[in-house]
Amino acid sequence: MTTEELAKIIGVSRVTLSKVINGVGGVSQKTEEKIRKYIEEYNFEPNSKARSLVGKEEQIIGLISAYSESYSGASKNISSHFATELIHLAVNSAQKRGYKTLVSLTDVEKDVRSIERLFNSKLIRGAILLGYNTGNEDIERIGKHGYPIVLVNQERDSRYKNTVAVNMDDQVSAYFAIEKLVERGHKRILYIGCNRHRLPAMRRHEGVMSALQKHKDEIESLTEIDCDFNEEKAYNETKRIFGDKTGKKPTGIFAANDIMAIGAMNALKELGYDIPGDVSIIGFDDIPMSKYLTPGLTTMSCNFEQIASTAVNSLIDLIEGAEVVNHIELPAEYVERGSLSEPREDK
């Protein structure tokens, strides 16, 4: 059965069917669900001969991100500054190696069938995956099938020869951030974290807990709140905590990403707190706007260009049969700006 024949059975255009098969988006959720139902019912696999030739001639790799949200049906927007930076840099890095990049966004973490279809159709020769839950069984199945894949901040290690895990050293970096607050004399600390089952969230939490254990005699209290890597949630929670006039407040904040740190800073300013006189703040990522804030945000700086180039080069080396390192940890760099000082009460 051809795509044209199946499209007639479903009652959609061949272009619409192809979009769903290749996972490129641009189709309403209702129509996509209808098409997938027919694909499964007919156990349809497109003729991959033509796509196989295209993939080999064009040297196409996939970059698939679950860091997205859906608005108005088929429209998808990237919801992560990390993903935004990485996608742009990865495309440029792939071009330097003579490869084109097919970018696909999804807001359904468990739906990775479209990734398998991209491989089965030979449209892509390998893929970089990011933003899925750690331990995703469907992602593991793709690895088992032998497809060349690079997992960015996805799994603690690589289980297969055809898979490379590229991670930031989140645990060590989070530990370092808490230690910097302790060194400056902060005894009451607020950690604005994320409870998602994703590797960066999990490892940053582990780093904070390790620092707490190490400095338990110096830290009077460490409060952790879940703000889901979201600026608005961090803003609201910070306003709730610091807006309550009873009890002692934290003097130091570590946020698991810069976006949440910015939300916390805005809330504190509205409440009349001085940064860093009353409250010091450390973020994580070092997104471009962080250095232009007032005061500039102290943060754990991630080298996005290094992450992107490492992921792309590792994938292309896998595809071309070169020797690769299957587990790579990339450090973050501490960048101190104006948002950190000693607590005023101890001056």
C-alpha atoms as a PDB file:
ATOM      1  CA  MET A   1       0.000   0.000   0.000  1.00  0.00           C
ATOM      2  CA  THR A   2       1.299   3.461  -0.931  1.00  0.00           C
ATOM      3  CA  THR A   3       0.920   6.694   1.036  1.00  0.00           C
ATOM      4  CA  GLU A   4      -1.459   7.930  -1.670  1.00  0.00           C
ATOM      5  CA  GLU A   5      -3.703   4.852  -1.259  1.00  0.00           C
ATOM      6  CA  LEU A   6      -3.755   5.111   2.527  1.00  0.00           C
ATOM      7  CA  ALA A   7      -4.454   8.849   2.350  1.00  0.00           C
ATOM      8  CA  LYS A   8      -7.555   8.150   0.235  1.00  0.00           C
ATOM      9  CA  ILE A   9      -8.787   5.564   2.744  1.00  0.00           C
ATOM     10  CA  ILE A  10      -8.333   7.985   5.641  1.00  0.00           C
ATOM     11  CA  GLY A  11      -9.742  10.949   3.724  1.00  0.00           C
ATOM     12  CA  VAL A  12      -6.730  13.253   4.033  1.00  0.00           C
ATOM     13  CA  SER A  13      -4.157  14.592   1.606  1.00  0.00           C
ATOM     14  CA  ARG A  14      -0.920  12.700   0.960  1.00  0.00           C
ATOM     15  CA  VAL A  15       1.011  15.717   2.290  1.00  0.00           C
ATOM     16  CA  THR A  16      -0.884  15.599   5.598  1.00  0.00           C
ATOM     17  CA  LEU A  17      -0.256  11.855   5.892  1.00  0.00           C
ATOM     18  CA  SER A  18       3.455  12.357   5.166  1.00  0.00           C
ATOM     19  CA  LYS A  19       3.729  15.011   7.874  1.00  0.00           C
ATOM     20  CA  VAL A  20       2.395  12.581  10.478  1.00  0.00           C
ATOM     21  CA  ILE A  21       4.554   9.697   9.245  1.00  0.00           C
ATOM     22  CA  ASN A  22       7.697  11.833   9.384  1.00  0.00           C
ATOM     23  CA  GLY A  23       6.784  13.563  12.651  1.00  0.00           C
ATOM     24  CA  VAL A  24       7.362  17.068  11.319  1.00  0.00           C
ATOM     25  CA  GLY A  25       4.257  18.656  12.885  1.00  0.00           C
ATOM     26  CA  GLY A  26       1.777  21.034  11.299  1.00  0.00           C
ATOM     27  CA  VAL A  27      -1.219  18.705  11.711  1.00  0.00           C
ATOM     28  CA  SER A  28      -4.015  19.144  14.257  1.00  0.00           C
ATOM     29  CA  GLN A  29      -4.071  16.732  17.174  1.00  0.00           C
ATOM     30  CA  LYS A  30      -7.453  15.315  16.129  1.00  0.00           C
ATOM     31  CA  THR A  31      -6.312  14.619  12.566  1.00  0.00           C
ATOM     32  CA  GLU A  32      -2.995  13.179  13.749  1.00  0.00           C
ATOM     33  CA  GLU A  33      -4.779  10.771  16.099  1.00  0.00           C
ATOM     34  CA  LYS A  34      -7.087   9.686  13.284  1.00  0.00           C
ATOM     35  CA  ILE A  35      -4.167   9.055  10.926  1.00  0.00           C
ATOM     36  CA  ARG A  36      -2.169   7.121  13.543  1.00  0.00           C
ATOM     37  CA  LYS A  37      -5.198   4.917  14.178  1.00  0.00           C
ATOM     38  CA  TYR A  38      -5.330   3.948  10.506  1.00  0.00           C
ATOM     39  CA  ILE A  39      -1.550   3.466  10.313  1.00  0.00           C
ATOM     40  CA  GLU A  40      -1.731   0.996  13.201  1.00  0.00           C
ATOM     41  CA  GLU A  41      -4.851  -0.677  11.844  1.00  0.00           C
ATOM     42  CA  TYR A  42      -3.231  -1.306   8.466  1.00  0.00           C
ATOM     43  CA  ASN A  43       0.255  -1.873   9.952  1.00  0.00           C
ATOM     44  CA  PHE A  44       1.446   0.599   7.377  1.00  0.00           C
ATOM     45  CA  GLU A  45       5.137   1.114   6.637  1.00  0.00           C
ATOM     46  CA  PRO A  46       5.957   3.624   3.866  1.00  0.00           C
ATOM     47  CA  ASN A  47       8.143   2.660   0.967  1.00  0.00           C
ATOM     48  CA  SER A  48      11.539   3.757   2.256  1.00  0.00           C
ATOM     49  CA  LYS A  49      13.587   3.294  -0.908  1.00  0.00           C
ATOM     50  CA  ALA A  50      13.361   6.923  -2.037  1.00  0.00           C
ATOM     51  CA  ARG A  51      13.852   8.245   1.487  1.00  0.00           C
ATOM     52  CA  SER A  52      16.838   5.980   1.939  1.00  0.00           C
ATOM     53  CA  LEU A  53      18.529   7.599  -1.025  1.00  0.00           C
ATOM     54  CA  VAL A  54      17.681  11.084   0.232  1.00  0.00           C
ATOM     55  CA  GLY A  55      19.010  10.353   3.722  1.00  0.00           C
ATOM     56  CA  LYS A  56      22.311   9.076   2.393  1.00  0.00           C
ATOM     57  CA  GLU A  57      22.818  11.848  -0.148  1.00  0.00           C
ATOM     58  CA  GLU A  58      21.724  14.685   2.092  1.00  0.00           C
ATOM     59  CA  GLN A  59      23.294  13.314   5.291  1.00  0.00           C
ATOM     60  CA  ILE A  60      20.367  14.152   7.565  1.00  0.00           C
ATOM     61  CA  ILE A  61      20.327  13.789  11.346  1.00  0.00           C
ATOM     62  CA  GLY A  62      17.351  14.334  13.615  1.00  0.00           C
ATOM     63  CA  LEU A  63      17.127  16.609  16.642  1.00  0.00           C
ATOM     64  CA  ILE A  64      14.030  15.666  18.618  1.00  0.00           C
ATOM     65  CA  SER A  65      13.010  17.656  21.688  1.00  0.00           C
ATOM     66  CA  ALA A  66      10.231  17.094  24.231  1.00  0.00           C
ATOM     67  CA  TYR A  67      10.897  20.565  25.689  1.00  0.00           C
ATOM     68  CA  SER A  68       7.773  22.019  24.072  1.00  0.00           C
ATOM     69  CA  GLU A  69       4.200  22.993  24.740  1.00  0.00           C
ATOM     70  CA  SER A  70       1.177  22.822  22.448  1.00  0.00           C
ATOM     71  CA  TYR A  71      -0.993  25.804  21.670  1.00  0.00           C
ATOM     72  CA  SER A  72      -4.005  25.913  19.341  1.00  0.00           C
ATOM     73  CA  GLY A  73      -3.884  22.340  18.164  1.00  0.00           C
ATOM     74  CA  ALA A  74      -0.852  21.621  16.026  1.00  0.00           C
ATOM     75  CA  SER A  75       1.231  24.654  16.888  1.00  0.00           C
ATOM     76  CA  LYS A  76       4.205  23.887  19.141  1.00  0.00           C
ATOM     77  CA  ASN A  77       6.572  26.228  20.943  1.00  0.00           C
ATOM     78  CA  ILE A  78       9.846  25.459  22.668  1.00  0.00           C
ATOM     79  CA  SER A  79       9.375  25.895  26.417  1.00  0.00           C
ATOM     80  CA  SER A  80      13.045  25.629  27.436  1.00  0.00           C
ATOM     81  CA  HIS A  81      15.837  28.174  26.954  1.00  0.00           C
ATOM     82  CA  PHE A  82      18.251  25.240  27.115  1.00  0.00           C
ATOM     83  CA  ALA A  83      16.512  23.553  24.166  1.00  0.00           C
ATOM     84  CA  THR A  84      16.322  26.812  22.210  1.00  0.00           C
ATOM     85  CA  GLU A  85      20.055  27.395  22.543  1.00  0.00           C
ATOM     86  CA  LEU A  86      20.938  23.774  21.842  1.00  0.00           C
ATOM     87  CA  ILE A  87      18.832  23.451  18.686  1.00  0.00           C
ATOM     88  CA  HIS A  88      20.311  26.577  17.096  1.00  0.00           C
ATOM     89  CA  LEU A  89      23.886  25.592  17.929  1.00  0.00           C
ATOM     90  CA  ALA A  90      23.424  21.936  16.939  1.00  0.00           C
ATOM     91  CA  VAL A  91      22.156  22.903  13.482  1.00  0.00           C
ATOM     92  CA  ASN A  92      25.243  25.065  12.953  1.00  0.00           C
ATOM     93  CA  SER A  93      27.569  22.353  14.260  1.00  0.00           C
ATOM     94  CA  ALA A  94      26.014  19.739  11.949  1.00  0.00           C
ATOM     95  CA  GLN A  95      26.473  22.017   8.935  1.00  0.00           C
ATOM     96  CA  LYS A  96      30.195  22.157   9.646  1.00  0.00           C
ATOM     97  CA  ARG A  97      30.291  18.366   9.274  1.00  0.00           C
ATOM     98  CA  GLY A  98      28.265  18.428   6.055  1.00  0.00           C
ATOM     99  CA  TYR A  99      25.001  17.267   7.628  1.00  0.00           C
ATOM    100  CA  LYS A 100      21.521  18.756   7.569  1.00  0.00           C
ATOM    101  CA  THR A 101      19.275  18.664  10.626  1.00  0.00           C
ATOM    102  CA  LEU A 102      15.627  17.740  10.839  1.00  0.00           C
ATOM    103  CA  VAL A 103      14.182  19.351  13.994  1.00  0.00           C
ATOM    104  CA  SER A 104      11.077  17.805  15.534  1.00  0.00           C
ATOM    105  CA  LEU A 105       9.238  19.031  18.645  1.00  0.00           C
ATOM    106  CA  THR A 106       6.725  17.095  20.693  1.00  0.00           C
ATOM    107  CA  ASP A 107       4.681  17.906  23.772  1.00  0.00           C
ATOM    108  CA  VAL A 108       3.920  14.223  24.444  1.00  0.00           C
ATOM    109  CA  GLU A 109       6.907  12.672  26.198  1.00  0.00           C
ATOM    110  CA  LYS A 110       5.720   9.078  25.799  1.00  0.00           C
ATOM    111  CA  ASP A 111       4.980   9.362  22.086  1.00  0.00           C
ATOM    112  CA  VAL A 112       8.271   8.390  20.456  1.00  0.00           C
ATOM    113  CA  ARG A 113       6.746   6.318  17.655  1.00  0.00           C
ATOM    114  CA  SER A 114       7.396   9.213  15.290  1.00  0.00           C
ATOM    115  CA  ILE A 115      11.120   8.873  16.045  1.00  0.00           C
ATOM    116  CA  GLU A 116      11.041   5.204  15.090  1.00  0.00           C
ATOM    117  CA  ARG A 117       9.225   6.077  11.874  1.00  0.00           C
ATOM    118  CA  LEU A 118      11.928   8.578  10.982  1.00  0.00           C
ATOM    119  CA  PHE A 119      14.519   5.823  11.381  1.00  0.00           C
ATOM    120  CA  ASN A 120      12.430   3.144   9.644  1.00  0.00           C
ATOM    121  CA  SER A 121      11.819   5.417   6.659  1.00  0.00           C
ATOM    122  CA  LYS A 122      15.588   6.082   6.420  1.00  0.00           C
ATOM    123  CA  LEU A 123      14.881   9.799   6.434  1.00  0.00           C
ATOM    124  CA  ILE A 124      17.461  10.323   9.194  1.00  0.00           C
ATOM    125  CA  ARG A 125      20.702   8.480   9.865  1.00  0.00           C
ATOM    126  CA  GLY A 126      20.832   9.238  13.575  1.00  0.00           C
ATOM    127  CA  ALA A 127      19.169  11.403  16.207  1.00  0.00           C
ATOM    128  CA  ILE A 128      19.876  13.636  19.191  1.00  0.00           C
ATOM    129  CA  LEU A 129      17.147  13.335  21.831  1.00  0.00           C
ATOM    130  CA  LEU A 130      16.498  15.673  24.740  1.00  0.00           C
ATOM    131  CA  GLY A 131      13.751  16.568  27.190  1.00  0.00           C
ATOM    132  CA  TYR A 132      12.233  13.128  27.761  1.00  0.00           C
ATOM    133  CA  ASN A 133      11.784  11.586  31.188  1.00  0.00           C
ATOM    134  CA  THR A 134      14.788   9.664  32.473  1.00  0.00           C
ATOM    135  CA  GLY A 135      14.253   5.912  32.179  1.00  0.00           C
ATOM    136  CA  ASN A 136      11.797   6.231  29.272  1.00  0.00           C
ATOM    137  CA  GLU A 137      11.254   2.646  28.064  1.00  0.00           C
ATOM    138  CA  ASP A 138      10.394   3.737  24.524  1.00  0.00           C
ATOM    139  CA  ILE A 139      13.679   5.627  24.223  1.00  0.00           C
ATOM    140  CA  GLU A 140      15.494   2.548  25.504  1.00  0.00           C
ATOM    141  CA  ARG A 141      13.760   0.462  22.837  1.00  0.00           C
ATOM    142  CA  ILE A 142      15.171   2.752  20.152  1.00  0.00           C
ATOM    143  CA  GLY A 143      18.632   2.162  21.619  1.00  0.00           C
ATOM    144  CA  LYS A 144      18.086  -1.597  21.600  1.00  0.00           C
ATOM    145  CA  HIS A 145      17.205  -1.497  17.908  1.00  0.00           C
ATOM    146  CA  GLY A 146      20.716  -0.258  17.160  1.00  0.00           C
ATOM    147  CA  TYR A 147      19.900   3.175  15.807  1.00  0.00           C
ATOM    148  CA  PRO A 148      22.663   5.766  16.378  1.00  0.00           C
ATOM    149  CA  ILE A 149      21.397   8.140  19.062  1.00  0.00           C
ATOM    150  CA  VAL A 150      22.810  10.742  21.442  1.00  0.00           C
ATOM    151  CA  LEU A 151      20.924  11.401  24.674  1.00  0.00           C
ATOM    152  CA  VAL A 152      21.494  14.918  26.034  1.00  0.00           C
ATOM    153  CA  ASN A 153      20.852  15.248  29.788  1.00  0.00           C
ATOM    154  CA  GLN A 154      18.645  12.179  29.459  1.00  0.00           C
ATOM    155  CA  GLU A 155      20.265   9.158  31.141  1.00  0.00           C
ATOM    156  CA  ARG A 156      23.007   8.723  33.721  1.00  0.00           C
ATOM    157  CA  ASP A 157      24.945   6.437  31.381  1.00  0.00           C
ATOM    158  CA  SER A 158      24.843   4.733  28.006  1.00  0.00           C
ATOM    159  CA  ARG A 159      23.774   1.084  27.874  1.00  0.00           C
ATOM    160  CA  TYR A 160      24.444   0.383  24.201  1.00  0.00           C
ATOM    161  CA  LYS A 161      27.368   0.804  21.805  1.00  0.00           C
ATOM    162  CA  ASN A 162      25.209   2.810  19.423  1.00  0.00           C
ATOM    163  CA  THR A 163      24.190   5.266  22.161  1.00  0.00           C
ATOM    164  CA  VAL A 164      26.119   8.205  23.621  1.00  0.00           C
ATOM    165  CA  ALA A 165      25.059  10.000  26.803  1.00  0.00           C
ATOM    166  CA  VAL A 166      26.121  13.659  26.907  1.00  0.00           C
ATOM    167  CA  ASN A 167      25.400  15.244  30.291  1.00  0.00           C
ATOM    168  CA  MET A 168      26.196  18.378  32.223  1.00  0.00           C
ATOM    169  CA  ASP A 169      27.807  17.711  35.581  1.00  0.00           C
ATOM    170  CA  ASP A 170      24.672  18.922  37.377  1.00  0.00           C
ATOM    171  CA  GLN A 171      25.289  17.273  40.725  1.00  0.00           C
ATOM    172  CA  VAL A 172      28.765  18.732  41.236  1.00  0.00           C
ATOM    173  CA  SER A 173      27.595  22.144  39.997  1.00  0.00           C
ATOM    174  CA  ALA A 174      24.590  22.282  42.346  1.00  0.00           C
ATOM    175  CA  TYR A 175      26.809  21.219  45.244  1.00  0.00           C
ATOM    176  CA  PHE A 176      29.226  24.027  44.348  1.00  0.00           C
ATOM    177  CA  ALA A 177      26.420  26.623  44.273  1.00  0.00           C
ATOM    178  CA  ILE A 178      25.236  25.743  47.774  1.00  0.00           C
ATOM    179  CA  GLU A 179      28.824  25.739  48.986  1.00  0.00           C
ATOM    180  CA  LYS A 180      29.290  29.275  47.642  1.00  0.00           C
ATOM    181  CA  LEU A 181      26.287  30.452  49.664  1.00  0.00           C
ATOM    182  CA  VAL A 182      27.680  28.774  52.775  1.00  0.00           C
ATOM    183  CA  GLU A 183      31.105  30.322  52.214  1.00  0.00           C
ATOM    184  CA  ARG A 184      29.474  33.770  52.184  1.00  0.00           C
ATOM    185  CA  GLY A 185      27.841  33.049  55.541  1.00  0.00           C
ATOM    186  CA  HIS A 186      24.303  32.122  54.497  1.00  0.00           C
ATOM    187  CA  LYS A 187      22.700  29.798  57.038  1.00  0.00           C
ATOM    188  CA  ARG A 188      19.079  29.875  55.855  1.00  0.00           C
ATOM    189  CA  ILE A 189      18.875  28.729  52.252  1.00  0.00           C
ATOM    190  CA  LEU A 190      15.983  28.288  49.810  1.00  0.00           C
ATOM    191  CA  TYR A 191      16.411  25.832  46.944  1.00  0.00           C
ATOM    192  CA  ILE A 192      14.013  26.464  44.056  1.00  0.00           C
ATOM    193  CA  GLY A 193      14.037  23.123  42.277  1.00  0.00           C
ATOM    194  CA  CYS A 194      11.979  20.823  40.079  1.00  0.00           C
ATOM    195  CA  ASN A 195      10.469  17.430  40.899  1.00  0.00           C
ATOM    196  CA  ARG A 196      10.243  16.174  37.318  1.00  0.00           C
ATOM    197  CA  HIS A 197      11.728  12.756  36.601  1.00  0.00           C
ATOM    198  CA  ARG A 198      14.378  14.288  34.375  1.00  0.00           C
ATOM    199  CA  LEU A 199      18.086  13.883  34.869  1.00  0.00           C
ATOM    200  CA  PRO A 200      19.035  17.571  35.368  1.00  0.00           C
ATOM    201  CA  ALA A 201      16.323  18.036  38.015  1.00  0.00           C
ATOM    202  CA  MET A 202      17.249  14.826  39.793  1.00  0.00           C
ATOM    203  CA  ARG A 203      20.994  15.443  39.810  1.00  0.00           C
ATOM    204  CA  ARG A 204      20.723  19.068  40.891  1.00  0.00           C
ATOM    205  CA  HIS A 205      18.579  17.952  43.821  1.00  0.00           C
ATOM    206  CA  GLU A 206      21.190  15.316  44.685  1.00  0.00           C
ATOM    207  CA  GLY A 207      23.938  17.941  44.604  1.00  0.00           C
ATOM    208  CA  VAL A 208      21.996  20.207  46.960  1.00  0.00           C
ATOM    209  CA  MET A 209      21.379  17.335  49.379  1.00  0.00           C
ATOM    210  CA  SER A 210      25.062  16.382  49.301  1.00  0.00           C
ATOM    211  CA  ALA A 211      26.047  19.946  50.173  1.00  0.00           C
ATOM    212  CA  LEU A 212      23.500  20.014  52.991  1.00  0.00           C
ATOM    213  CA  GLN A 213      24.968  16.834  54.433  1.00  0.00           C
ATOM    214  CA  LYS A 214      28.501  18.189  54.157  1.00  0.00           C
ATOM    215  CA  HIS A 215      27.641  21.549  55.760  1.00  0.00           C
ATOM    216  CA  LYS A 216      24.879  20.450  58.131  1.00  0.00           C
ATOM    217  CA  ASP A 217      26.617  22.144  61.062  1.00  0.00           C
ATOM    218  CA  GLU A 218      26.755  25.472  59.215  1.00  0.00           C
ATOM    219  CA  ILE A 219      23.307  25.443  57.578  1.00  0.00           C
ATOM    220  CA  GLU A 220      20.499  26.361  59.949  1.00  0.00           C
ATOM    221  CA  SER A 221      17.752  25.497  57.462  1.00  0.00           C
ATOM    222  CA  LEU A 222      17.464  24.471  53.810  1.00  0.00           C
ATOM    223  CA  THR A 223      13.980  24.621  52.299  1.00  0.00           C
ATOM    224  CA  GLU A 224      13.277  23.031  48.922  1.00  0.00           C
ATOM    225  CA  ILE A 225      10.279  23.979  46.766  1.00  0.00           C
ATOM    226  CA  ASP A 226       9.145  22.581  43.414  1.00  0.00           C
ATOM    227  CA  CYS A 227       8.673  25.261  40.772  1.00  0.00           C
ATOM    228  CA  ASP A 228       8.908  22.977  37.727  1.00  0.00           C
ATOM    229  CA  PHE A 229      11.643  25.028  35.980  1.00  0.00           C
ATOM    230  CA  ASN A 230       8.947  27.702  35.546  1.00  0.00           C
ATOM    231  CA  GLU A 231       9.460  31.455  36.022  1.00  0.00           C
ATOM    232  CA  GLU A 232       5.887  32.239  37.070  1.00  0.00           C
ATOM    233  CA  LYS A 233       5.796  29.462  39.661  1.00  0.00           C
ATOM    234  CA  ALA A 234       9.102  30.647  41.119  1.00  0.00           C
ATOM    235  CA  TYR A 235       7.748  34.193  41.238  1.00  0.00           C
ATOM    236  CA  ASN A 236       4.550  33.130  43.041  1.00  0.00           C
ATOM    237  CA  GLU A 237       6.279  30.831  45.521  1.00  0.00           C
ATOM    238  CA  THR A 238       8.955  33.395  46.353  1.00  0.00           C
ATOM    239  CA  LYS A 239       6.287  36.018  46.923  1.00  0.00           C
ATOM    240  CA  ARG A 240       4.395  33.606  49.183  1.00  0.00           C
ATOM    241  CA  ILE A 241       7.459  32.770  51.286  1.00  0.00           C
ATOM    242  CA  PHE A 242       8.907  36.262  51.602  1.00  0.00           C
ATOM    243  CA  GLY A 243       5.531  38.003  51.732  1.00  0.00           C
ATOM    244  CA  ASP A 244       4.764  36.264  55.023  1.00  0.00           C
ATOM    245  CA  LYS A 245       6.040  38.674  57.682  1.00  0.00           C
ATOM    246  CA  THR A 246       6.328  36.001  60.376  1.00  0.00           C
ATOM    247  CA  GLY A 247       9.487  34.012  61.058  1.00  0.00           C
ATOM    248  CA  LYS A 248      13.014  34.283  59.742  1.00  0.00           C
ATOM    249  CA  LYS A 249      13.444  34.296  55.987  1.00  0.00           C
ATOM    250  CA  PRO A 250      16.115  32.648  53.838  1.00  0.00           C
ATOM    251  CA  THR A 251      19.046  34.927  53.084  1.00  0.00           C
ATOM    252  CA  GLY A 252      20.361  32.830  50.196  1.00  0.00           C
ATOM    253  CA  ILE A 253      18.546  31.308  47.201  1.00  0.00           C
ATOM    254  CA  PHE A 254      19.798  28.734  44.719  1.00  0.00           C
ATOM    255  CA  ALA A 255      17.509  28.233  41.709  1.00  0.00           C
ATOM    256  CA  ALA A 256      17.893  25.171  39.472  1.00  0.00           C
ATOM    257  CA  ASN A 257      17.739  27.374  36.386  1.00  0.00           C
ATOM    258  CA  ASP A 258      18.121  31.062  35.582  1.00  0.00           C
ATOM    259  CA  ILE A 259      14.491  31.426  34.559  1.00  0.00           C
ATOM    260  CA  MET A 260      13.312  30.528  38.071  1.00  0.00           C
ATOM    261  CA  ALA A 261      16.012  32.766  39.550  1.00  0.00           C
ATOM    262  CA  ILE A 262      14.633  35.658  37.495  1.00  0.00           C
ATOM    263  CA  GLY A 263      11.106  34.925  38.746  1.00  0.00           C
ATOM    264  CA  ALA A 264      12.396  34.965  42.335  1.00  0.00           C
ATOM    265  CA  MET A 265      14.302  38.223  41.777  1.00  0.00           C
ATOM    266  CA  ASN A 266      11.219  39.959  40.399  1.00  0.00           C
ATOM    267  CA  ALA A 267       9.128  38.828  43.375  1.00  0.00           C
ATOM    268  CA  LEU A 268      11.730  40.007  45.881  1.00  0.00           C
ATOM    269  CA  LYS A 269      12.037  43.411  44.237  1.00  0.00           C
ATOM    270  CA  GLU A 270       8.266  43.900  44.291  1.00  0.00           C
ATOM    271  CA  LEU A 271       8.261  43.070  48.006  1.00  0.00           C
ATOM    272  CA  GLY A 272      10.964  45.655  48.660  1.00  0.00           C
ATOM    273  CA  TYR A 273      13.877  43.288  49.322  1.00  0.00           C
ATOM    274  CA  ASP A 274      17.349  44.367  48.297  1.00  0.00           C
ATOM    275  CA  ILE A 275      19.408  41.972  46.169  1.00  0.00           C
ATOM    276  CA  PRO A 276      21.972  41.000  47.378  1.00  0.00           C
ATOM    277  CA  GLY A 277      21.793  42.999  50.612  1.00  0.00           C
ATOM    278  CA  ASP A 278      18.773  41.166  51.977  1.00  0.00           C
ATOM    279  CA  VAL A 279      18.792  38.071  49.776  1.00  0.00           C
ATOM    280  CA  SER A 280      21.526  36.592  47.583  1.00  0.00           C
ATOM    281  CA  ILE A 281      20.623  34.522  44.503  1.00  0.00           C
ATOM    282  CA  ILE A 282      22.496  31.974  42.397  1.00  0.00           C
ATOM    283  CA  GLY A 283      21.020  30.536  39.189  1.00  0.00           C
ATOM    284  CA  PHE A 284      21.964  27.768  36.774  1.00  0.00           C
ATOM    285  CA  ASP A 285      22.479  27.847  32.957  1.00  0.00           C
ATOM    286  CA  ASP A 286      23.716  31.419  32.330  1.00  0.00           C
ATOM    287  CA  ILE A 287      21.160  32.292  29.666  1.00  0.00           C
ATOM    288  CA  PRO A 288      22.034  35.456  27.682  1.00  0.00           C
ATOM    289  CA  MET A 289      19.831  37.850  29.679  1.00  0.00           C
ATOM    290  CA  SER A 290      21.336  36.865  33.056  1.00  0.00           C
ATOM    291  CA  LYS A 291      24.298  39.217  32.779  1.00  0.00           C
ATOM    292  CA  TYR A 292      22.038  42.158  31.895  1.00  0.00           C
ATOM    293  CA  LEU A 293      19.818  41.910  34.971  1.00  0.00           C
ATOM    294  CA  THR A 294      20.069  44.415  37.820  1.00  0.00           C
ATOM    295  CA  PRO A 295      22.010  43.166  39.625  1.00  0.00           C
ATOM    296  CA  GLY A 296      23.655  40.701  37.248  1.00  0.00           C
ATOM    297  CA  LEU A 297      22.806  37.110  38.148  1.00  0.00           C
ATOM    298  CA  THR A 298      25.486  34.913  39.691  1.00  0.00           C
ATOM    299  CA  THR A 299      25.064  31.513  38.060  1.00  0.00           C
ATOM    300  CA  MET A 300      26.509  28.157  37.096  1.00  0.00           C
ATOM    301  CA  SER A 301      27.305  28.770  33.442  1.00  0.00           C
ATOM    302  CA  CYS A 302      26.713  25.979  30.929  1.00  0.00           C
ATOM    303  CA  ASN A 303      28.715  26.034  27.719  1.00  0.00           C
ATOM    304  CA  PHE A 304      25.830  25.497  25.299  1.00  0.00           C
ATOM    305  CA  GLU A 305      28.129  25.532  22.283  1.00  0.00           C
ATOM    306  CA  GLN A 306      30.259  22.769  23.791  1.00  0.00           C
ATOM    307  CA  ILE A 307      27.196  20.671  24.611  1.00  0.00           C
ATOM    308  CA  ALA A 308      25.802  21.066  21.083  1.00  0.00           C
ATOM    309  CA  SER A 309      29.081  20.355  19.286  1.00  0.00           C
ATOM    310  CA  THR A 310      29.832  17.354  21.523  1.00  0.00           C
ATOM    311  CA  ALA A 311      26.376  15.892  20.870  1.00  0.00           C
ATOM    312  CA  VAL A 312      26.542  16.456  17.107  1.00  0.00           C
ATOM    313  CA  ASN A 313      30.117  15.223  16.664  1.00  0.00           C
ATOM    314  CA  SER A 314      29.436  12.139  18.792  1.00  0.00           C
ATOM    315  CA  LEU A 315      26.368  11.292  16.698  1.00  0.00           C
ATOM    316  CA  ILE A 316      28.121  11.767  13.360  1.00  0.00           C
ATOM    317  CA  ASP A 317      31.075   9.702  14.581  1.00  0.00           C
ATOM    318  CA  LEU A 318      28.607   6.936  15.522  1.00  0.00           C
ATOM    319  CA  ILE A 319      27.017   7.120  12.076  1.00  0.00           C
ATOM    320  CA  GLU A 320      30.370   7.040  10.283  1.00  0.00           C
ATOM    321  CA  GLY A 321      31.748   4.211  12.409  1.00  0.00           C
ATOM    322  CA  ALA A 322      34.429   6.213  14.202  1.00  0.00           C
ATOM    323  CA  GLU A 323      35.451   5.470  17.779  1.00  0.00           C
ATOM    324  CA  VAL A 324      33.337   7.316  20.358  1.00  0.00           C
ATOM    325  CA  VAL A 325      33.213   7.854  24.099  1.00  0.00           C
ATOM    326  CA  ASN A 326      29.788   6.601  25.180  1.00  0.00           C
ATOM    327  CA  HIS A 327      29.462   8.699  28.350  1.00  0.00           C
ATOM    328  CA  ILE A 328      30.545  12.338  28.468  1.00  0.00           C
ATOM    329  CA  GLU A 329      30.209  14.715  31.433  1.00  0.00           C
ATOM    330  CA  LEU A 330      30.617  18.440  30.709  1.00  0.00           C
ATOM    331  CA  PRO A 331      31.330  20.828  33.608  1.00  0.00           C
ATOM    332  CA  ALA A 332      29.550  24.094  34.339  1.00  0.00           C
ATOM    333  CA  GLU A 333      31.579  27.202  35.195  1.00  0.00           C
ATOM    334  CA  TYR A 334      30.842  29.371  38.210  1.00  0.00           C
ATOM    335  CA  VAL A 335      30.233  32.980  37.149  1.00  0.00           C
ATOM    336  CA  GLU A 336      29.904  35.514  39.961  1.00  0.00           C
ATOM    337  CA  ARG A 337      28.002  38.727  39.360  1.00  0.00           C
ATOM    338  CA  GLY A 338      26.178  41.213  41.568  1.00  0.00           C
ATOM    339  CA  SER A 339      23.456  38.987  43.051  1.00  0.00           C
ATOM    340  CA  LEU A 340      25.705  37.376  45.691  1.00  0.00           C
ATOM    341  CA  SER A 341      27.085  38.842  48.908  1.00  0.00           C
ATOM    342  CA  GLU A 342      27.268  38.171  52.633  1.00  0.00           C
ATOM    343  CA  PRO A 343      23.929  38.354  54.469  1.00  0.00           C
ATOM    344  CA  ARG A 344      23.250  41.839  55.807  1.00  0.00           C
ATOM    345  CA  GLU A 345      22.230  40.616  59.257  1.00  0.00           C
ATOM    346  CA  ASP A 346      25.724  39.186  59.836  1.00  0.00           C
ATOM    347  CA  LYS A 347      27.652  42.239  58.584  1.00  0.00           C
END
